[in-house]
C-alpha atoms as a PDB file:
ATOM      1  CA  MET A   1     124.751 121.051  70.163  1.00  0.00           C
ATOM      2  CA  ALA A   2     122.007 118.080  69.448  1.00  0.00           C
ATOM      3  CA  VAL A   3     119.095 118.779  71.363  1.00  0.00           C
ATOM      4  CA  VAL A   4     118.018 115.611  73.905  1.00  0.00           C
ATOM      5  CA  LYS A   5     114.574 115.155  73.342  1.00  0.00           C
ATOM      6  CA  ILE A   6     112.816 113.094  75.961  1.00  0.00           C
ATOM      7  CA  LYS A   7     109.633 111.374  76.017  1.00  0.00           C
ATOM      8  CA  LYS A   8     106.792 111.173  78.307  1.00  0.00           C
ATOM      9  CA  THR A   9     105.940 107.919  79.312  1.00  0.00           C
ATOM     10  CA  LYS A  10     102.052 106.844  78.080  1.00  0.00           C
ATOM     11  CA  ARG A  11      99.493 106.976  80.712  1.00  0.00           C
ATOM     12  CA  LYS A  12      97.742 104.207  82.067  1.00  0.00           C
ATOM     13  CA  LYS A  13      94.533 103.751  80.392  1.00  0.00           C
ATOM     14  CA  ILE A  14      91.353 103.402  83.289  1.00  0.00           C
ATOM     15  CA  LYS A  15      88.764 101.160  82.859  1.00  0.00           C
ATOM     16  CA  TYR A  16      85.271 101.870  83.638  1.00  0.00           C
ATOM     17  CA  PHE A  17      82.225 100.097  84.235  1.00  0.00           C
ATOM     18  CA  LYS A  18      78.710 100.627  84.019  1.00  0.00           C
ATOM     19  CA  PHE A  19      75.972 100.308  86.790  1.00  0.00           C
ATOM     20  CA  GLU A  20      72.136 100.763  86.079  1.00  0.00           C
ATOM     21  CA  LEU A  21      69.816 101.624  89.549  1.00  0.00           C
ATOM     22  CA  LYS A  22      66.497 101.105  90.614  1.00  0.00           C
ATOM     23  CA  LEU A  23      65.033 103.493  92.539  1.00  0.00           C
ATOM     24  CA  SER A  24      61.611 104.659  93.624  1.00  0.00           C
ATOM     25  CA  LYS A  25      59.688 107.924  92.843  1.00  0.00           C
ATOM     26  CA  SER A  26      60.885 109.323  96.387  1.00  0.00           C
ATOM     27  CA  GLU A  27      64.729 107.839  96.796  1.00  0.00           C
ATOM     28  CA  ASN A  28      64.948 109.725  93.409  1.00  0.00           C
ATOM     29  CA  GLU A  29      63.422 113.590  95.056  1.00  0.00           C
ATOM     30  CA  LYS A  30      65.979 112.746  98.000  1.00  0.00           C
ATOM     31  CA  ILE A  31      68.666 112.438  96.587  1.00  0.00           C
ATOM     32  CA  LYS A  32      67.980 114.995  93.775  1.00  0.00           C
ATOM     33  CA  LEU A  33      67.547 117.489  97.228  1.00  0.00           C
ATOM     34  CA  PHE A  34      70.335 116.156  99.127  1.00  0.00           C
ATOM     35  CA  CYS A  35      72.836 117.422  95.759  1.00  0.00           C
ATOM     36  CA  GLN A  36      71.343 120.884  95.442  1.00  0.00           C
ATOM     37  CA  VAL A  37      71.964 121.194  98.928  1.00  0.00           C
ATOM     38  CA  LYS A  38      75.192 119.827  98.837  1.00  0.00           C
ATOM     39  CA  LYS A  39      76.029 121.640  95.643  1.00  0.00           C
ATOM     40  CA  THR A  40      76.604 118.441  93.784  1.00  0.00           C
ATOM     41  CA  THR A  41      75.799 115.667  91.280  1.00  0.00           C
ATOM     42  CA  THR A  42      74.212 112.129  91.819  1.00  0.00           C
ATOM     43  CA  ASN A  43      77.230 110.809  89.804  1.00  0.00           C
ATOM     44  CA  LYS A  44      79.990 112.079  92.826  1.00  0.00           C
ATOM     45  CA  LEU A  45      77.333 111.585  95.366  1.00  0.00           C
ATOM     46  CA  ILE A  46      76.431 107.661  94.742  1.00  0.00           C
ATOM     47  CA  LYS A  47      80.573 107.719  94.224  1.00  0.00           C
ATOM     48  CA  ASN A  48      81.450 108.675  97.651  1.00  0.00           C
ATOM     49  CA  ALA A  49      79.184 106.314  99.343  1.00  0.00           C
ATOM     50  CA  LEU A  50      80.390 103.712  97.197  1.00  0.00           C
ATOM     51  CA  ARG A  51      84.602 104.524  98.364  1.00  0.00           C
ATOM     52  CA  ASP A  52      83.095 105.180 101.725  1.00  0.00           C
ATOM     53  CA  TYR A  53      81.617 101.893 102.083  1.00  0.00           C
ATOM     54  CA  MET A  54      84.341 100.038 100.198  1.00  0.00           C
ATOM     55  CA  LYS A  55      86.922 101.595 102.703  1.00  0.00           C
ATOM     56  CA  ARG A  56      84.607  99.967 105.155  1.00  0.00           C
ATOM     57  CA  PHE A  57      84.122  96.556 104.583  1.00  0.00           C
ATOM     58  CA  GLY A  58      85.982  96.410 101.251  1.00  0.00           C
ATOM     59  CA  ASN A  59      88.627  94.490 102.645  1.00  0.00           C
ATOM     60  CA  LEU A  60      86.616  90.700 103.047  1.00  0.00           C
ATOM     61  CA  LYS A  61      88.315  88.080 102.116  1.00  0.00           C
ATOM     62  CA  LEU A  62      86.257  84.895 100.336  1.00  0.00           C
ATOM     63  CA  PRO A  63      86.577  81.379 102.325  1.00  0.00           C
ATOM     64  CA  GLU A  64      88.907  79.485 100.956  1.00  0.00           C
ATOM     65  CA  PRO A  65      86.553  76.295  98.578  1.00  0.00           C
ATOM     66  CA  ILE A  66      87.043  73.119 100.371  1.00  0.00           C
ATOM     67  CA  GLY A  67      88.164  70.272  99.093  1.00  0.00           C
ATOM     68  CA  LYS A  68      86.620  66.604  98.280  1.00  0.00           C
ATOM     69  CA  ASN A  69      88.698  64.894 100.791  1.00  0.00           C
ATOM     70  CA  GLN A  70      89.146  67.413 103.466  1.00  0.00           C
ATOM     71  CA  MET A  71      87.685  66.360 106.217  1.00  0.00           C
ATOM     72  CA  ASN A  72      85.190  68.148 107.889  1.00  0.00           C
ATOM     73  CA  ILE A  73      85.024  68.434 112.550  1.00  0.00           C
ATOM     74  CA  PHE A  74      81.883  67.407 112.307  1.00  0.00           C
ATOM     75  CA  ASP A  75      82.269  64.300 110.360  1.00  0.00           C
ATOM     76  CA  VAL A  76      84.524  63.058 113.337  1.00  0.00           C
ATOM     77  CA  ILE A  77      81.835  64.351 116.032  1.00  0.00           C
ATOM     78  CA  GLY A  78      79.036  62.368 114.124  1.00  0.00           C
ATOM     79  CA  ASP A  79      80.807  59.227 113.107  1.00  0.00           C
ATOM     80  CA  SER A  80      82.266  58.796 117.062  1.00  0.00           C
ATOM     81  CA  VAL A  81      78.266  58.662 117.765  1.00  0.00           C
ATOM     82  CA  GLU A  82      77.181  56.256 115.281  1.00  0.00           C
ATOM     83  CA  LYS A  83      80.197  53.802 116.999  1.00  0.00           C
END
């Protein structure tokens, strides 16, 4: 009997992006002290803070762009006042 080998599916590569932050000396010291107390790294602290922030405010949608021919309520009010 032949043994059938099952292939594992390849994982999708995760894209990472790099950001730079500029902090004052006092802010940096506060972050380092907080990380020592909580026994975490600065990178994990910042990532967790961003995740929490995005959970609260990340579902906001941008307003749709208004076309050239779209009327505005103030156009109608302005026309009636001028007449």
